[in-house]
Protein backbone atom coordinates (compact mmCIF):
# COMPACT_ATOMS: atom_id res chain seq x y z
CA UNK A 1 8.12 1.50 19.14
CA UNK A 2 11.82 0.66 19.02
CA UNK A 3 11.04 -3.03 19.50
CA UNK A 4 8.81 -2.96 16.43
CA UNK A 5 11.54 -1.50 14.24
CA UNK A 6 14.28 -3.95 15.16
CA UNK A 7 16.01 -5.63 12.23
CA UNK A 8 14.62 -9.04 13.24
CA UNK A 9 11.08 -7.68 13.01
CA UNK A 10 11.62 -6.13 9.57
CA UNK A 11 13.77 -8.56 7.58
CA UNK A 12 11.50 -11.57 7.92
CA UNK A 13 10.40 -13.87 5.09
CA UNK A 14 6.73 -12.73 5.25
CA UNK A 15 7.76 -9.05 5.14
CA UNK A 16 10.08 -9.71 2.19
CA UNK A 17 7.15 -11.40 0.41
CA UNK A 18 5.07 -8.27 0.98
CA UNK A 19 7.87 -6.11 -0.43
CA UNK A 20 8.07 -8.46 -3.42
CA UNK A 21 4.36 -7.92 -4.07
CA UNK A 22 4.91 -4.16 -4.09
CA UNK A 23 7.74 -4.59 -6.60
CA UNK A 24 5.39 -6.57 -8.87
CA UNK A 25 3.00 -3.63 -9.23
CA UNK A 26 4.89 -1.80 -12.02
CA UNK A 27 5.03 -5.08 -13.96
CA UNK A 28 1.25 -5.51 -13.67
CA UNK A 29 0.59 -2.00 -14.98
CA UNK A 30 3.18 -2.27 -17.77
CA UNK A 31 1.93 -5.64 -19.03
CA UNK A 32 -1.72 -4.59 -18.98
CA UNK A 33 -1.12 -1.28 -20.69
CA UNK A 34 0.74 -2.98 -23.53
CA UNK A 35 -2.06 -5.52 -23.99
CA UNK A 36 -0.35 -8.59 -22.53
CA UNK A 37 -3.40 -9.50 -20.47
CA UNK A 38 -2.53 -13.14 -19.80
CA UNK A 39 0.93 -12.17 -18.56
CA UNK A 40 -0.61 -9.47 -16.39
CA UNK A 41 -3.00 -12.03 -14.90
CA UNK A 42 -0.06 -14.38 -14.25
CA UNK A 43 1.75 -11.66 -12.30
CA UNK A 44 -1.43 -10.89 -10.34
CA UNK A 45 -1.76 -14.61 -9.56
CA UNK A 46 1.86 -14.69 -8.34
CA UNK A 47 1.14 -11.67 -6.16
CA UNK A 48 -1.98 -13.34 -4.73
CA UNK A 49 -0.04 -16.55 -4.05
CA UNK A 50 2.64 -14.70 -2.06
CA UNK A 51 -0.16 -12.88 -0.23
CA UNK A 52 -1.56 -16.21 0.95
CA UNK A 53 1.86 -17.68 1.73
CA UNK A 54 3.21 -14.77 3.76
CA UNK A 55 0.38 -15.08 6.29
CA UNK A 56 0.79 -18.86 6.56
CA UNK A 57 4.57 -18.58 6.97
CA UNK A 58 4.22 -15.81 9.56
CA UNK A 59 1.85 -17.87 11.71
CA UNK A 60 3.56 -21.24 11.19
CA UNK A 61 7.06 -20.01 12.06
CA UNK A 62 6.05 -17.33 14.59
CA UNK A 63 7.15 -14.45 12.37
CA UNK A 64 4.10 -12.26 12.97
CA UNK A 65 5.30 -8.68 13.51
CA UNK A 66 3.75 -5.23 13.77
CA UNK A 67 5.76 -4.22 10.69
CA UNK A 68 4.15 -7.09 8.81
CA UNK A 69 0.67 -6.10 10.02
CA UNK A 70 1.22 -2.74 8.33
CA UNK A 71 3.24 -3.85 5.28
CA UNK A 72 0.91 -6.69 4.24
CA UNK A 73 -2.25 -4.55 3.86
CA UNK A 74 -0.20 -1.77 2.23
CA UNK A 75 0.94 -4.26 -0.44
CA UNK A 76 -2.68 -5.40 -0.84
CA UNK A 77 -4.03 -1.88 -1.24
CA UNK A 78 -1.35 -0.78 -3.70
CA UNK A 79 -1.92 -3.90 -5.82
CA UNK A 80 -5.67 -3.35 -5.81
CA UNK A 81 -5.31 0.31 -6.78
CA UNK A 82 -2.97 -0.63 -9.62
CA UNK A 83 -5.56 -3.09 -10.98
CA UNK A 84 -8.38 -0.52 -10.74
CA UNK A 85 -6.11 2.03 -12.43
CA UNK A 86 -5.42 -0.36 -15.31
CA UNK A 87 -9.10 -1.12 -15.82
CA UNK A 88 -10.12 2.54 -15.66
CA UNK A 89 -8.94 2.87 -19.27
CA UNK A 90 -11.85 0.55 -20.26
CA UNK A 91 -14.33 1.54 -17.58
CA UNK A 92 -14.00 5.27 -17.05
CA UNK A 93 -16.44 5.31 -14.13
CA UNK A 94 -13.98 3.20 -12.17
CA UNK A 95 -12.45 6.50 -11.07
CA UNK A 96 -15.41 6.63 -8.67
CA UNK A 97 -14.18 3.30 -7.27
CA UNK A 98 -10.69 4.75 -6.85
CA UNK A 99 -12.18 7.72 -4.98
CA UNK A 100 -14.24 5.40 -2.75
CA UNK A 101 -11.17 3.26 -2.15
CA UNK A 102 -9.07 6.31 -1.19
CA UNK A 103 -11.75 7.65 1.19
CA UNK A 104 -12.17 4.22 2.82
CA UNK A 105 -8.45 3.71 3.33
CA UNK A 106 -7.99 7.27 4.59
CA UNK A 107 -10.68 6.76 7.24
CA UNK A 108 -9.21 3.37 8.14
CA UNK A 109 -5.77 4.92 8.53
CA UNK A 110 -7.15 7.59 10.86
CA UNK A 111 -8.98 5.03 12.99
CA UNK A 112 -5.91 2.80 13.12
CA UNK A 113 -3.74 5.73 14.20
CA UNK A 114 -6.17 6.71 16.96
CA UNK A 115 -6.34 3.17 18.36
CA UNK A 116 -2.55 2.86 18.15
CA UNK A 117 -2.25 5.97 20.31
CA UNK A 118 -4.63 4.73 22.98
CA UNK A 119 -3.69 1.04 22.98
CA UNK A 120 -0.15 1.02 21.56
CA UNK A 121 -1.24 -1.95 19.47
CA UNK A 122 -1.63 -2.59 15.73
CA UNK A 123 -4.75 -4.59 14.88
CA UNK A 124 -4.75 -7.41 12.34
CA UNK A 125 -7.24 -7.46 9.46
CA UNK A 126 -10.75 -8.66 10.29
CA UNK A 127 -12.78 -11.17 8.27
CA UNK A 128 -14.81 -8.44 6.58
CA UNK A 129 -11.63 -6.67 5.53
CA UNK A 130 -10.28 -9.91 4.10
CA UNK A 131 -13.62 -10.55 2.35
CA UNK A 132 -13.47 -7.09 0.76
CA UNK A 133 -9.92 -7.79 -0.43
CA UNK A 134 -10.81 -11.22 -1.89
CA UNK A 135 -13.90 -9.91 -3.69
CA UNK A 136 -12.03 -6.95 -5.12
CA UNK A 137 -9.24 -9.24 -6.36
CA UNK A 138 -11.76 -11.63 -7.93
CA UNK A 139 -13.75 -8.88 -9.65
CA UNK A 140 -10.66 -7.12 -10.97
CA UNK A 141 -9.20 -10.45 -12.15
CA UNK A 142 -12.42 -11.34 -14.02
CA UNK A 143 -12.40 -7.91 -15.70
CA UNK A 144 -8.70 -8.31 -16.52
CA UNK A 145 -9.14 -11.74 -18.07
CA UNK A 146 -12.59 -11.50 -19.70
CA UNK A 147 -12.10 -8.80 -22.28
CA UNK A 148 -15.49 -9.38 -23.94
CA UNK A 149 -17.55 -9.39 -20.74
CA UNK A 150 -21.04 -7.85 -21.25
CA UNK A 151 -21.21 -4.31 -19.87
CA UNK A 152 -24.21 -5.13 -17.69
CA UNK A 153 -22.40 -7.99 -15.97
CA UNK A 154 -19.22 -5.92 -15.61
CA UNK A 155 -21.05 -3.11 -13.86
CA UNK A 156 -22.97 -5.55 -11.67
CA UNK A 157 -19.64 -6.95 -10.45
CA UNK A 158 -18.20 -3.46 -9.93
CA UNK A 159 -21.23 -2.22 -7.96
CA UNK A 160 -21.27 -5.41 -5.85
CA UNK A 161 -17.60 -4.93 -5.08
CA UNK A 162 -18.22 -1.31 -4.04
CA UNK A 163 -21.07 -2.45 -1.80
CA UNK A 164 -18.85 -4.95 0.01
CA UNK A 165 -16.18 -2.27 0.44
CA UNK A 166 -18.78 -0.01 2.10
CA UNK A 167 -19.95 -2.89 4.31
CA UNK A 168 -16.35 -3.48 5.39
CA UNK A 169 -15.94 0.21 6.22
CA UNK A 170 -19.10 0.21 8.37
CA UNK A 171 -18.05 -2.92 10.28
CA UNK A 172 -14.55 -1.56 10.84
CA UNK A 173 -16.17 1.63 12.08
CA UNK A 174 -18.11 -0.35 14.70
CA UNK A 175 -14.94 -2.21 15.70
CA UNK A 176 -12.80 0.91 16.15
CA UNK A 177 -15.64 2.81 17.79
CA UNK A 178 -15.89 0.03 20.39
CA UNK A 179 -12.17 0.24 21.14
CA UNK A 180 -12.13 4.04 21.44
CA UNK A 181 -15.34 4.10 23.49
CA UNK A 182 -13.89 1.56 25.93
CA UNK A 183 -10.72 3.63 26.27
CA UNK A 184 -12.61 6.85 27.03
CA UNK A 185 -14.84 5.06 29.56
CA UNK A 186 -11.77 3.62 31.31
CA UNK A 187 -10.20 7.09 31.33
CA UNK A 188 -13.32 8.62 32.88
CA UNK A 189 -13.43 5.93 35.58
CA UNK A 190 -9.76 6.49 36.43
CA UNK A 191 -10.28 10.24 36.64
CA UNK A 192 -13.27 9.80 38.96
CA UNK A 193 -11.28 7.40 41.15
CA UNK A 194 -8.40 9.87 41.35
CA UNK A 195 -10.78 12.68 42.34
CA UNK A 196 -12.36 10.46 45.00
CA UNK A 197 -8.94 9.56 46.42
CA UNK A 198 -7.79 13.19 46.45
CA UNK A 199 -10.96 14.27 48.29
CA UNK A 200 -10.49 11.48 50.84
CA UNK A 201 -6.91 12.55 51.47
C-alpha cells in the first residue's frame, strides 16, 4: 500500500488531469444553472478531452498508477453526477437515474474493495464500463445542448442510458464474481492440502 501512495505515483500528469476535471465540476454546475448552456458544454468538452488524454499519456509514458486507476473513474463519476444533477431541474424523473447511479457505484465500490482485499490489486475499467461512461456523457451532452428536444426522444435517450448502466453492472458482477470465486476455490484447495500434509505427518 505504501508503494501506491508514494509521491511519484500521485503527482503524475494523468493524475493532475483527473484532479483538474474534478475542479471543473463547480464551473459546469454554475454555468448551467445560470443559463450559459454553450459555455457549460464547452467546459464539459474540455473535461472529456482531458479524460481521453490522461489515459493516453499514462500508457504512452508509463505513468499508469493505482492512484490513477481510482482517481480517473472518481472524476468521471463526479462529472456525470453533476450533469445529471443539472438536468434534473428540467427532467424531474432524473432523480431516479441519480438513485440508480448511486446504487450501481456503491455495489461497484464494494466489489472492488473485496477483490482488493483478496488480490491486493486495483482493476482497470472494462469495455462495458467505458461504454456506459461514453453513452452517459453523450446523452447528457445532447440534453444539455438541445434545449428544445422532444420529450419522447429525451426519455428514450434517458431510458437507453439507464439500460446500458444496468448492463454494465451485470457484466461487472460476472467479472468480480469470477475473481472472488477463484480466490475461494484456491483457498479451499490450500486448506485441503494443509490438512492432508498434517495427517501425513
